[in-house]
C-alpha atoms as a PDB file:
ATOM      1  CA  MET A   1      -0.729  94.058  53.208  1.00  0.00           C
ATOM      2  CA  ARG A   2      -1.888  95.028  49.761  1.00  0.00           C
ATOM      3  CA  LYS A   3       0.964  92.941  48.251  1.00  0.00           C
ATOM      4  CA  VAL A   4      -0.119  89.938  50.304  1.00  0.00           C
ATOM      5  CA  LYS A   5      -3.692  90.199  49.018  1.00  0.00           C
ATOM      6  CA  ILE A   6      -2.474  90.452  45.441  1.00  0.00           C
ATOM      7  CA  LEU A   7      -0.227  87.401  45.971  1.00  0.00           C
ATOM      8  CA  LEU A   8      -3.122  85.386  47.414  1.00  0.00           C
ATOM      9  CA  ALA A   9      -5.357  86.373  44.501  1.00  0.00           C
ATOM     10  CA  VAL A  10      -2.720  85.249  42.001  1.00  0.00           C
ATOM     11  CA  CYS A  11      -2.291  81.895  43.792  1.00  0.00           C
ATOM     12  CA  LEU A  12      -6.049  81.364  43.855  1.00  0.00           C
ATOM     13  CA  LEU A  13      -6.284  82.147  40.146  1.00  0.00           C
ATOM     14  CA  LEU A  14      -3.465  79.681  39.362  1.00  0.00           C
ATOM     15  CA  ALA A  15      -5.187  76.980  41.391  1.00  0.00           C
ATOM     16  CA  VAL A  16      -8.453  77.467  39.524  1.00  0.00           C
ATOM     17  CA  CYS A  17      -6.652  77.243  36.171  1.00  0.00           C
ATOM     18  CA  MET A  18      -4.877  74.021  37.176  1.00  0.00           C
ATOM     19  CA  VAL A  19      -8.137  72.400  38.256  1.00  0.00           C
ATOM     20  CA  SER A  20      -9.812  73.422  35.009  1.00  0.00           C
ATOM     21  CA  ALA A  21      -6.914  72.068  32.943  1.00  0.00           C
ATOM     22  CA  ALA A  22      -6.976  68.770  34.806  1.00  0.00           C
ATOM     23  CA  GLY A  23     -10.697  68.484  34.253  1.00  0.00           C
ATOM     24  CA  CYS A  24     -10.333  69.097  30.540  1.00  0.00           C
ATOM     25  CA  GLY A  25      -7.581  66.480  30.290  1.00  0.00           C
ATOM     26  CA  LEU A  26      -9.683  63.931  32.135  1.00  0.00           C
ATOM     27  CA  LEU A  27     -12.614  64.541  29.850  1.00  0.00           C
ATOM     28  CA  GLY A  28     -10.329  64.138  26.857  1.00  0.00           C
ATOM     29  CA  GLU A  29      -9.037  60.770  28.074  1.00  0.00           C
ATOM     30  CA  ASN A  30     -12.555  59.586  28.813  1.00  0.00           C
ATOM     31  CA  LYS A  31     -13.604  60.502  25.294  1.00  0.00           C
ATOM     32  CA  LYS A  32     -10.701  58.530  23.824  1.00  0.00           C
ATOM     33  CA  THR A  33     -11.494  55.547  26.026  1.00  0.00           C
ATOM     34  CA  GLN A  34     -15.085  55.487  24.833  1.00  0.00           C
ATOM     35  CA  GLU A  35     -13.938  55.431  21.211  1.00  0.00           C
ATOM     36  CA  VAL A  36     -11.865  52.230  21.680  1.00  0.00           C
ATOM     37  CA  PRO A  37     -14.072  49.137  21.225  1.00  0.00           C
ATOM     38  CA  GLU A  38     -14.323  46.613  24.017  1.00  0.00           C
ATOM     39  CA  PRO A  39     -12.340  43.429  23.421  1.00  0.00           C
ATOM     40  CA  ALA A  40     -14.516  40.575  22.182  1.00  0.00           C
ATOM     41  CA  SER A  41     -15.560  38.287  24.973  1.00  0.00           C
ATOM     42  CA  ASN A  42     -14.678  34.583  24.727  1.00  0.00           C
ATOM     43  CA  THR A  43     -17.753  33.660  26.681  1.00  0.00           C
ATOM     44  CA  ILE A  44     -20.590  32.143  24.637  1.00  0.00           C
ATOM     45  CA  VAL A  45     -23.958  33.289  25.886  1.00  0.00           C
ATOM     46  CA  ALA A  46     -26.652  30.646  25.584  1.00  0.00           C
ATOM     47  CA  GLY A  47     -29.047  31.407  22.771  1.00  0.00           C
ATOM     48  CA  GLU A  48     -26.755  33.958  21.100  1.00  0.00           C
ATOM     49  CA  VAL A  49     -24.498  31.557  19.104  1.00  0.00           C
ATOM     50  CA  LYS A  50     -25.973  28.958  16.787  1.00  0.00           C
ATOM     51  CA  GLU A  51     -24.550  25.462  16.825  1.00  0.00           C
ATOM     52  CA  ALA A  52     -22.057  24.931  13.993  1.00  0.00           C
ATOM     53  CA  GLU A  53     -23.688  23.313  10.995  1.00  0.00           C
ATOM     54  CA  GLN A  54     -22.654  19.716  10.362  1.00  0.00           C
ATOM     55  CA  PRO A  55     -21.811  18.542   6.810  1.00  0.00           C
ATOM     56  CA  ALA A  56     -24.961  17.370   5.044  1.00  0.00           C
ATOM     57  CA  GLY A  57     -25.604  13.699   5.786  1.00  0.00           C
ATOM     58  CA  ARG A  58     -22.775  13.280   8.290  1.00  0.00           C
ATOM     59  CA  GLU A  59     -24.869  11.637  11.003  1.00  0.00           C
ATOM     60  CA  GLN A  60     -26.546   9.337   8.488  1.00  0.00           C
ATOM     61  CA  ARG A  61     -23.166   8.314   7.063  1.00  0.00           C
ATOM     62  CA  LEU A  62     -21.825   7.496  10.514  1.00  0.00           C
ATOM     63  CA  ALA A  63     -24.884   5.416  11.388  1.00  0.00           C
ATOM     64  CA  LEU A  64     -24.817   3.603   8.046  1.00  0.00           C
ATOM     65  CA  ALA A  65     -21.095   2.862   8.354  1.00  0.00           C
ATOM     66  CA  ALA A  66     -21.674   1.308  11.776  1.00  0.00           C
ATOM     67  CA  SER A  67     -24.476  -0.903  10.427  1.00  0.00           C
ATOM     68  CA  LEU A  68     -22.410  -2.035   7.443  1.00  0.00           C
ATOM     69  CA  ARG A  69     -19.396  -2.748   9.629  1.00  0.00           C
ATOM     70  CA  GLN A  70     -21.490  -5.104  11.755  1.00  0.00           C
ATOM     71  CA  LEU A  71     -22.451  -7.067   8.646  1.00  0.00           C
ATOM     72  CA  MET A  72     -18.846  -7.188   7.393  1.00  0.00           C
ATOM     73  CA  GLU A  73     -17.597  -8.566  10.690  1.00  0.00           C
ATOM     74  CA  LYS A  74     -19.844 -11.607  10.324  1.00  0.00           C
ATOM     75  CA  ASP A  75     -17.975 -12.740   7.190  1.00  0.00           C
ATOM     76  CA  SER A  76     -14.307 -13.600   6.682  1.00  0.00           C
ATOM     77  CA  ALA A  77     -14.062 -11.729   3.365  1.00  0.00           C
ATOM     78  CA  LYS A  78     -12.590  -8.241   3.156  1.00  0.00           C
ATOM     79  CA  TYR A  79     -14.886  -5.492   1.919  1.00  0.00           C
ATOM     80  CA  GLN A  80     -14.766  -2.029   0.437  1.00  0.00           C
ATOM     81  CA  VAL A  81     -17.849   0.170   0.168  1.00  0.00           C
ATOM     82  CA  TYR A  82     -18.800   3.391  -1.593  1.00  0.00           C
ATOM     83  CA  VAL A  83     -22.219   4.977  -1.075  1.00  0.00           C
ATOM     84  CA  PHE A  84     -23.452   8.335  -2.303  1.00  0.00           C
ATOM     85  CA  PHE A  85     -26.926   9.719  -1.653  1.00  0.00           C
ATOM     86  CA  PRO A  86     -27.879  12.891  -3.586  1.00  0.00           C
ATOM     87  CA  GLN A  87     -28.726  14.744  -0.356  1.00  0.00           C
ATOM     88  CA  TRP A  88     -25.180  14.240   0.966  1.00  0.00           C
ATOM     89  CA  ASP A  89     -22.295  16.615   0.394  1.00  0.00           C
ATOM     90  CA  GLU A  90     -19.767  13.767   0.278  1.00  0.00           C
ATOM     91  CA  PRO A  91     -19.799   9.968  -0.095  1.00  0.00           C
ATOM     92  CA  LEU A  92     -19.366   7.238   2.472  1.00  0.00           C
ATOM     93  CA  VAL A  93     -16.135   5.393   1.663  1.00  0.00           C
ATOM     94  CA  MET A  94     -15.002   2.334   3.604  1.00  0.00           C
ATOM     95  CA  GLY A  95     -11.627   0.897   2.560  1.00  0.00           C
ATOM     96  CA  LYS A  96      -9.180   2.495   0.169  1.00  0.00           C
ATOM     97  CA  ASP A  97      -6.445   0.049  -0.902  1.00  0.00           C
ATOM     98  CA  PRO A  98      -6.420  -0.945  -4.600  1.00  0.00           C
ATOM     99  CA  GLN A  99      -7.537  -4.517  -5.143  1.00  0.00           C
ATOM    100  CA  SER A 100      -8.002  -6.887  -8.045  1.00  0.00           C
ATOM    101  CA  SER A 101     -10.688  -5.319 -10.187  1.00  0.00           C
ATOM    102  CA  ALA A 102     -11.950  -8.402 -12.006  1.00  0.00           C
ATOM    103  CA  SER A 103     -14.427  -7.212 -14.664  1.00  0.00           C
ATOM    104  CA  ILE A 104     -15.202  -3.924 -12.890  1.00  0.00           C
ATOM    105  CA  ILE A 105     -12.229  -2.542 -14.851  1.00  0.00           C
ATOM    106  CA  LYS A 106     -14.400  -2.717 -17.968  1.00  0.00           C
ATOM    107  CA  ILE A 107     -16.377   0.382 -16.949  1.00  0.00           C
ATOM    108  CA  PHE A 108     -13.281   2.493 -17.603  1.00  0.00           C
ATOM    109  CA  ILE A 109     -12.955   1.055 -21.117  1.00  0.00           C
ATOM    110  CA  LEU A 110     -16.622   1.914 -21.666  1.00  0.00           C
ATOM    111  CA  GLY A 111     -16.077   5.483 -20.492  1.00  0.00           C
ATOM    112  CA  THR A 112     -12.962   5.905 -22.629  1.00  0.00           C
ATOM    113  CA  ALA A 113     -14.745   4.730 -25.768  1.00  0.00           C
ATOM    114  CA  TYR A 114     -17.656   7.125 -25.332  1.00  0.00           C
ATOM    115  CA  GLU A 115     -15.349  10.024 -24.547  1.00  0.00           C
ATOM    116  CA  LEU A 116     -13.324   9.345 -27.701  1.00  0.00           C
ATOM    117  CA  ALA A 117     -16.554   9.144 -29.691  1.00  0.00           C
ATOM    118  CA  GLU A 118     -17.680  12.458 -28.200  1.00  0.00           C
ATOM    119  CA  GLN A 119     -14.377  13.982 -29.318  1.00  0.00           C
ATOM    120  CA  GLY A 120     -14.692  12.567 -32.826  1.00  0.00           C
ATOM    121  CA  GLN A 121     -11.746  10.196 -32.373  1.00  0.00           C
ATOM    122  CA  LEU A 122     -13.714   6.943 -32.437  1.00  0.00           C
ATOM    123  CA  ASP A 123     -16.665   5.842 -34.558  1.00  0.00           C
ATOM    124  CA  LEU A 124     -18.981   3.667 -32.489  1.00  0.00           C
ATOM    125  CA  ASN A 125     -20.544   2.340 -35.697  1.00  0.00           C
ATOM    126  CA  GLN A 126     -17.183   1.241 -37.087  1.00  0.00           C
ATOM    127  CA  GLN A 127     -17.154  -2.468 -37.869  1.00  0.00           C
ATOM    128  CA  VAL A 128     -14.529  -4.677 -36.264  1.00  0.00           C
ATOM    129  CA  THR A 129     -13.678  -8.214 -37.300  1.00  0.00           C
ATOM    130  CA  VAL A 130     -13.084 -10.668 -34.462  1.00  0.00           C
ATOM    131  CA  HIS A 131     -10.597 -13.303 -35.580  1.00  0.00           C
ATOM    132  CA  PRO A 132     -10.339 -16.782 -34.036  1.00  0.00           C
ATOM    133  CA  LEU A 133      -7.024 -15.830 -32.401  1.00  0.00           C
ATOM    134  CA  ASP A 134      -8.806 -12.962 -30.614  1.00  0.00           C
ATOM    135  CA  MET A 135     -11.221 -15.284 -28.863  1.00  0.00           C
ATOM    136  CA  VAL A 136     -10.669 -16.139 -25.205  1.00  0.00           C
ATOM    137  CA  GLY A 137     -12.603 -18.115 -22.655  1.00  0.00           C
ATOM    138  CA  GLY A 138     -14.386 -17.088 -19.511  1.00  0.00           C
ATOM    139  CA  ALA A 139     -17.474 -14.920 -19.639  1.00  0.00           C
ATOM    140  CA  GLY A 140     -19.031 -13.918 -22.925  1.00  0.00           C
ATOM    141  CA  VAL A 141     -20.902 -15.060 -26.006  1.00  0.00           C
ATOM    142  CA  ILE A 142     -18.420 -14.353 -28.826  1.00  0.00           C
ATOM    143  CA  ASN A 143     -15.983 -17.132 -27.937  1.00  0.00           C
ATOM    144  CA  GLY A 144     -16.714 -20.273 -29.878  1.00  0.00           C
ATOM    145  CA  GLN A 145     -18.500 -18.633 -32.775  1.00  0.00           C
ATOM    146  CA  SER A 146     -17.398 -19.956 -36.116  1.00  0.00           C
ATOM    147  CA  GLY A 147     -15.474 -17.963 -38.658  1.00  0.00           C
ATOM    148  CA  ALA A 148     -14.617 -14.331 -38.022  1.00  0.00           C
ATOM    149  CA  PRO A 149     -17.736 -12.523 -36.823  1.00  0.00           C
ATOM    150  CA  VAL A 150     -18.054  -8.778 -37.363  1.00  0.00           C
ATOM    151  CA  TYR A 151     -19.403  -6.364 -34.769  1.00  0.00           C
ATOM    152  CA  THR A 152     -19.671  -2.619 -34.449  1.00  0.00           C
ATOM    153  CA  VAL A 153     -17.684  -0.958 -31.685  1.00  0.00           C
ATOM    154  CA  ARG A 154     -21.003  -0.091 -30.019  1.00  0.00           C
ATOM    155  CA  LYS A 155     -22.069  -3.756 -30.000  1.00  0.00           C
ATOM    156  CA  LEU A 156     -18.713  -4.846 -28.588  1.00  0.00           C
ATOM    157  CA  LEU A 157     -19.116  -2.294 -25.777  1.00  0.00           C
ATOM    158  CA  GLU A 158     -22.589  -3.606 -25.060  1.00  0.00           C
ATOM    159  CA  LEU A 159     -21.375  -7.219 -24.904  1.00  0.00           C
ATOM    160  CA  MET A 160     -18.413  -6.212 -22.736  1.00  0.00           C
ATOM    161  CA  ILE A 161     -20.829  -4.820 -20.137  1.00  0.00           C
ATOM    162  CA  THR A 162     -24.003  -6.891 -20.329  1.00  0.00           C
ATOM    163  CA  GLU A 163     -22.325 -10.281 -20.845  1.00  0.00           C
ATOM    164  CA  SER A 164     -18.945  -9.271 -19.413  1.00  0.00           C
ATOM    165  CA  ASP A 165     -17.577 -10.650 -22.684  1.00  0.00           C
ATOM    166  CA  ASN A 166     -13.819 -11.094 -22.371  1.00  0.00           C
ATOM    167  CA  THR A 167     -13.219 -11.400 -26.115  1.00  0.00           C
ATOM    168  CA  ALA A 168     -15.084  -8.143 -26.763  1.00  0.00           C
ATOM    169  CA  THR A 169     -13.027  -6.477 -24.047  1.00  0.00           C
ATOM    170  CA  ASN A 170      -9.696  -7.569 -25.497  1.00  0.00           C
ATOM    171  CA  VAL A 171     -10.661  -6.496 -29.020  1.00  0.00           C
ATOM    172  CA  LEU A 172     -11.731  -3.096 -27.676  1.00  0.00           C
ATOM    173  CA  MET A 173      -8.456  -2.722 -25.780  1.00  0.00           C
ATOM    174  CA  ASP A 174      -6.600  -3.212 -29.069  1.00  0.00           C
ATOM    175  CA  ALA A 175      -8.886  -0.811 -30.923  1.00  0.00           C
ATOM    176  CA  ILE A 176      -8.717   1.942 -28.296  1.00  0.00           C
ATOM    177  CA  GLY A 177      -5.201   1.467 -26.916  1.00  0.00           C
ATOM    178  CA  LEU A 178      -3.991   1.226 -23.332  1.00  0.00           C
ATOM    179  CA  GLU A 179      -2.530   4.723 -23.403  1.00  0.00           C
ATOM    180  CA  ARG A 180      -5.908   6.285 -24.123  1.00  0.00           C
ATOM    181  CA  ILE A 181      -7.587   4.266 -21.383  1.00  0.00           C
ATOM    182  CA  HIS A 182      -4.927   5.302 -18.873  1.00  0.00           C
ATOM    183  CA  HIS A 183      -5.353   8.936 -19.950  1.00  0.00           C
ATOM    184  CA  PHE A 184      -9.107   8.710 -19.350  1.00  0.00           C
ATOM    185  CA  MET A 185      -8.542   7.298 -15.863  1.00  0.00           C
ATOM    186  CA  LYS A 186      -6.050   9.998 -14.965  1.00  0.00           C
ATOM    187  CA  GLU A 187      -8.093  12.894 -16.358  1.00  0.00           C
ATOM    188  CA  HIS A 188     -11.204  11.847 -14.447  1.00  0.00           C
ATOM    189  CA  GLY A 189      -9.448  11.243 -11.145  1.00  0.00           C
ATOM    190  CA  PHE A 190      -9.489   7.442 -11.041  1.00  0.00           C
ATOM    191  CA  HIS A 191      -5.979   7.444  -9.613  1.00  0.00           C
ATOM    192  CA  ASP A 192      -6.130   4.051  -7.883  1.00  0.00           C
ATOM    193  CA  SER A 193      -7.229   2.150 -10.979  1.00  0.00           C
ATOM    194  CA  ILE A 194      -4.928   0.624 -13.565  1.00  0.00           C
ATOM    195  CA  LEU A 195      -5.376  -1.672 -16.564  1.00  0.00           C
ATOM    196  CA  GLN A 196      -2.235  -3.763 -17.124  1.00  0.00           C
ATOM    197  CA  ARG A 197      -3.353  -6.960 -18.821  1.00  0.00           C
ATOM    198  CA  LYS A 198      -5.992  -8.372 -21.110  1.00  0.00           C
ATOM    199  CA  MET A 199      -8.779 -10.620 -19.920  1.00  0.00           C
ATOM    200  CA  MET A 200      -7.813 -14.249 -19.339  1.00  0.00           C
ATOM    201  CA  ASP A 201      -4.110 -13.435 -19.700  1.00  0.00           C
ATOM    202  CA  TYR A 202      -2.820 -15.757 -17.008  1.00  0.00           C
ATOM    203  CA  GLU A 203       0.763 -15.447 -18.201  1.00  0.00           C
ATOM    204  CA  ALA A 204       0.706 -11.719 -17.405  1.00  0.00           C
ATOM    205  CA  LEU A 205      -0.996 -12.489 -14.114  1.00  0.00           C
ATOM    206  CA  ARG A 206       1.783 -14.911 -13.158  1.00  0.00           C
ATOM    207  CA  ALA A 207       4.281 -12.186 -14.059  1.00  0.00           C
ATOM    208  CA  GLY A 208       2.653  -9.914 -11.489  1.00  0.00           C
ATOM    209  CA  LYS A 209       0.557  -7.812 -13.859  1.00  0.00           C
ATOM    210  CA  ASP A 210      -3.039  -7.432 -12.765  1.00  0.00           C
ATOM    211  CA  ASN A 211      -5.832  -4.902 -13.094  1.00  0.00           C
ATOM    212  CA  PHE A 212      -6.695  -2.885  -9.994  1.00  0.00           C
ATOM    213  CA  THR A 213      -9.322  -0.480  -8.755  1.00  0.00           C
ATOM    214  CA  THR A 214     -11.039   0.650  -5.561  1.00  0.00           C
ATOM    215  CA  ALA A 215     -14.639   1.045  -4.462  1.00  0.00           C
ATOM    216  CA  ALA A 216     -13.973   4.791  -4.347  1.00  0.00           C
ATOM    217  CA  ASP A 217     -12.875   4.915  -8.005  1.00  0.00           C
ATOM    218  CA  ALA A 218     -15.733   2.734  -9.236  1.00  0.00           C
ATOM    219  CA  GLY A 219     -18.174   4.690  -7.094  1.00  0.00           C
ATOM    220  CA  ARG A 220     -16.883   7.991  -8.434  1.00  0.00           C
ATOM    221  CA  PHE A 221     -17.328   6.707 -12.000  1.00  0.00           C
ATOM    222  CA  PHE A 222     -20.979   5.927 -11.351  1.00  0.00           C
ATOM    223  CA  ARG A 223     -21.545   9.176  -9.465  1.00  0.00           C
ATOM    224  CA  LEU A 224     -20.251  11.192 -12.436  1.00  0.00           C
ATOM    225  CA  LEU A 225     -22.327   9.039 -14.764  1.00  0.00           C
ATOM    226  CA  ARG A 226     -25.470   9.522 -12.668  1.00  0.00           C
ATOM    227  CA  GLU A 227     -24.992  13.295 -12.701  1.00  0.00           C
ATOM    228  CA  HIS A 228     -24.191  13.305 -16.458  1.00  0.00           C
ATOM    229  CA  LYS A 229     -20.760  14.747 -15.718  1.00  0.00           C
ATOM    230  CA  LEU A 230     -18.598  11.925 -17.061  1.00  0.00           C
ATOM    231  CA  VAL A 231     -18.658  12.551 -20.824  1.00  0.00           C
ATOM    232  CA  GLY A 232     -21.866  14.384 -21.686  1.00  0.00           C
ATOM    233  CA  GLU A 233     -25.594  14.004 -21.216  1.00  0.00           C
ATOM    234  CA  ALA A 234     -26.264  11.986 -24.372  1.00  0.00           C
ATOM    235  CA  ALA A 235     -23.198   9.748 -24.023  1.00  0.00           C
ATOM    236  CA  ASP A 236     -23.768   9.207 -20.303  1.00  0.00           C
ATOM    237  CA  SER A 237     -27.422   8.325 -20.907  1.00  0.00           C
ATOM    238  CA  GLU A 238     -26.413   5.747 -23.516  1.00  0.00           C
ATOM    239  CA  MET A 239     -23.877   4.175 -21.157  1.00  0.00           C
ATOM    240  CA  ILE A 240     -26.515   3.970 -18.420  1.00  0.00           C
ATOM    241  CA  SER A 241     -28.863   2.219 -20.859  1.00  0.00           C
ATOM    242  CA  ILE A 242     -26.170  -0.367 -21.574  1.00  0.00           C
ATOM    243  CA  LEU A 243     -25.519  -0.882 -17.861  1.00  0.00           C
ATOM    244  CA  PHE A 244     -29.238  -1.526 -17.289  1.00  0.00           C
ATOM    245  CA  GLY A 245     -28.767  -4.625 -19.455  1.00  0.00           C
ATOM    246  CA  GLN A 246     -26.359  -6.336 -17.042  1.00  0.00           C
ATOM    247  CA  THR A 247     -27.165 -10.057 -17.075  1.00  0.00           C
ATOM    248  CA  ASP A 248     -25.411 -10.940 -13.797  1.00  0.00           C
ATOM    249  CA  THR A 249     -28.220 -10.367 -11.305  1.00  0.00           C
ATOM    250  CA  GLU A 250     -27.000 -12.422  -8.352  1.00  0.00           C
ATOM    251  CA  CYS A 251     -26.181  -9.549  -6.016  1.00  0.00           C
ATOM    252  CA  PHE A 252     -27.817  -6.089  -6.101  1.00  0.00           C
ATOM    253  CA  PRO A 253     -30.834  -7.072  -8.239  1.00  0.00           C
ATOM    254  CA  GLN A 254     -31.668 -10.001  -5.959  1.00  0.00           C
ATOM    255  CA  ALA A 255     -31.319  -7.814  -2.886  1.00  0.00           C
ATOM    256  CA  LEU A 256     -33.381  -4.967  -4.362  1.00  0.00           C
ATOM    257  CA  PRO A 257     -35.929  -6.525  -6.755  1.00  0.00           C
ATOM    258  CA  GLN A 258     -38.081  -3.384  -6.691  1.00  0.00           C
ATOM    259  CA  ALA A 259     -35.281  -1.207  -8.097  1.00  0.00           C
ATOM    260  CA  ARG A 260     -33.838  -0.675 -11.557  1.00  0.00           C
ATOM    261  CA  ILE A 261     -30.065  -0.944 -11.410  1.00  0.00           C
ATOM    262  CA  ALA A 262     -27.492   0.201 -13.956  1.00  0.00           C
ATOM    263  CA  HIS A 263     -24.442  -1.736 -12.821  1.00  0.00           C
ATOM    264  CA  LYS A 264     -21.376  -3.842 -13.546  1.00  0.00           C
ATOM    265  CA  THR A 265     -20.194  -6.897 -11.677  1.00  0.00           C
ATOM    266  CA  GLY A 266     -16.798  -8.550 -11.492  1.00  0.00           C
ATOM    267  CA  GLU A 267     -15.762 -11.991 -10.344  1.00  0.00           C
ATOM    268  CA  LEU A 268     -12.595 -14.026  -9.942  1.00  0.00           C
ATOM    269  CA  SER A 269     -11.688 -16.786  -7.534  1.00  0.00           C
ATOM    270  CA  GLY A 270     -12.240 -15.314  -4.054  1.00  0.00           C
ATOM    271  CA  VAL A 271     -13.381 -12.002  -5.543  1.00  0.00           C
ATOM    272  CA  TYR A 272     -16.872 -10.618  -6.177  1.00  0.00           C
ATOM    273  CA  HIS A 273     -17.798  -6.999  -6.883  1.00  0.00           C
ATOM    274  CA  ASP A 274     -20.973  -5.133  -7.756  1.00  0.00           C
ATOM    275  CA  ALA A 275     -21.167  -1.416  -8.497  1.00  0.00           C
ATOM    276  CA  GLY A 276     -23.725   0.883 -10.060  1.00  0.00           C
ATOM    277  CA  ILE A 277     -26.636   3.290  -9.806  1.00  0.00           C
ATOM    278  CA  VAL A 278     -29.784   2.196  -7.974  1.00  0.00           C
ATOM    279  CA  TYR A 279     -32.979   3.815  -9.263  1.00  0.00           C
ATOM    280  CA  ASP A 280     -36.354   3.855  -7.561  1.00  0.00           C
ATOM    281  CA  ALA A 281     -39.532   5.660  -8.596  1.00  0.00           C
ATOM    282  CA  ASN A 282     -38.358   9.107  -7.499  1.00  0.00           C
ATOM    283  CA  ASP A 283     -34.580   9.242  -7.192  1.00  0.00           C
ATOM    284  CA  SER A 284     -31.344   7.290  -7.391  1.00  0.00           C
ATOM    285  CA  TYR A 285     -28.115   6.695  -5.500  1.00  0.00           C
ATOM    286  CA  VAL A 286     -24.707   5.140  -6.090  1.00  0.00           C
ATOM    287  CA  LEU A 287     -23.613   1.905  -4.443  1.00  0.00           C
ATOM    288  CA  CYS A 288     -20.399  -0.062  -4.841  1.00  0.00           C
ATOM    289  CA  ILE A 289     -19.412  -3.108  -2.787  1.00  0.00           C
ATOM    290  CA  MET A 290     -16.177  -4.982  -3.452  1.00  0.00           C
ATOM    291  CA  SER A 291     -15.128  -8.205  -1.745  1.00  0.00           C
ATOM    292  CA  THR A 292     -11.821 -10.061  -1.713  1.00  0.00           C
ATOM    293  CA  ASP A 293     -10.376 -13.063   0.122  1.00  0.00           C
ATOM    294  CA  SER A 294     -13.771 -14.717   0.125  1.00  0.00           C
ATOM    295  CA  ARG A 295     -13.699 -18.281   1.432  1.00  0.00           C
ATOM    296  CA  GLY A 296     -17.294 -18.987   0.528  1.00  0.00           C
ATOM    297  CA  ARG A 297     -19.007 -17.445  -2.470  1.00  0.00           C
ATOM    298  CA  GLY A 298     -22.484 -18.037  -1.068  1.00  0.00           C
ATOM    299  CA  ASN A 299     -21.684 -16.408   2.268  1.00  0.00           C
ATOM    300  CA  THR A 300     -20.086 -13.401   0.603  1.00  0.00           C
ATOM    301  CA  LEU A 301     -23.017 -12.873  -1.758  1.00  0.00           C
ATOM    302  CA  SER A 302     -25.409 -13.137   1.179  1.00  0.00           C
ATOM    303  CA  THR A 303     -23.423 -10.524   3.101  1.00  0.00           C
ATOM    304  CA  MET A 304     -23.320  -8.198   0.104  1.00  0.00           C
ATOM    305  CA  ARG A 305     -27.066  -8.526  -0.426  1.00  0.00           C
ATOM    306  CA  ASN A 306     -27.700  -7.678   3.217  1.00  0.00           C
ATOM    307  CA  MET A 307     -25.401  -4.686   2.897  1.00  0.00           C
ATOM    308  CA  ALA A 308     -27.307  -3.510  -0.182  1.00  0.00           C
ATOM    309  CA  LYS A 309     -30.611  -3.850   1.689  1.00  0.00           C
ATOM    310  CA  THR A 310     -29.192  -1.862   4.608  1.00  0.00           C
ATOM    311  CA  VAL A 311     -28.070   0.938   2.298  1.00  0.00           C
ATOM    312  CA  ASP A 312     -31.421   1.014   0.514  1.00  0.00           C
ATOM    313  CA  LEU A 313     -33.288   1.188   3.820  1.00  0.00           C
ATOM    314  CA  ALA A 314     -31.139   4.142   4.888  1.00  0.00           C
ATOM    315  CA  PHE A 315     -31.792   5.873   1.563  1.00  0.00           C
ATOM    316  CA  HIS A 316     -35.558   5.654   2.041  1.00  0.00           C
ATOM    317  CA  GLN A 317     -35.594   6.822   5.666  1.00  0.00           C
END
């Protein structure tokens, strides 16, 4: 009997130990479980997650593009557009294929010259003689002058822009060199622009050599110029001053008579372009509109003016 009692006591003691051990193990597992973080929930609770921020100006760009597209569709010409407002993080670009640049290509010659001058490789006050064989027709004031007039490089650059002087342009191309102009374009990211022939060189044109650019390249040029990031503050300011003297005022200046515009135009048969920086009392923006395949110059200019007004209205909203 005594053995039975001892046996029962031992069994009871073993049972108590097993229960205690199990309890300790359970507590240990619970502790580990509490240390493991809960998986992140995929459910978004209203008010806890902010709406993703949209790129600055995105909605305005979309609305402006729609308005401009409506105007384009009323005309048979093909258009490219570049717009950049300073409050945007990126420009509005409509159309991207390279097209005949007409005289818009001259802005890249201007930029090259001032960059070379900044680097000490070109003297803007150097005098250049323009010989009768250098003179070509089309736009400009040098052609037809008697003898061999002499101009500084700076004056030739001014005439190339303000009067779109073709003779000045060709003389500058010889003085600067195509290779340097191409290098300037490449270094500054104007990858869809190319200068392949001189002004009024119809033989080269018949051989398939033309000058090309895009609204995006021209617009980028003027954006860098506006921000004084093209060559340098002094050089960029001087180029802007020259561009303010543009004498072709048929497009942007007629559309926006209240603004000061530093710009360059370009025109060939069926082609009209205008690109530049539009300044008002407080700020400025970049606008470039290029048209090709125009069947009516008057209609195309009217469309471009309306587009410029639409852009300006959006800028002032």
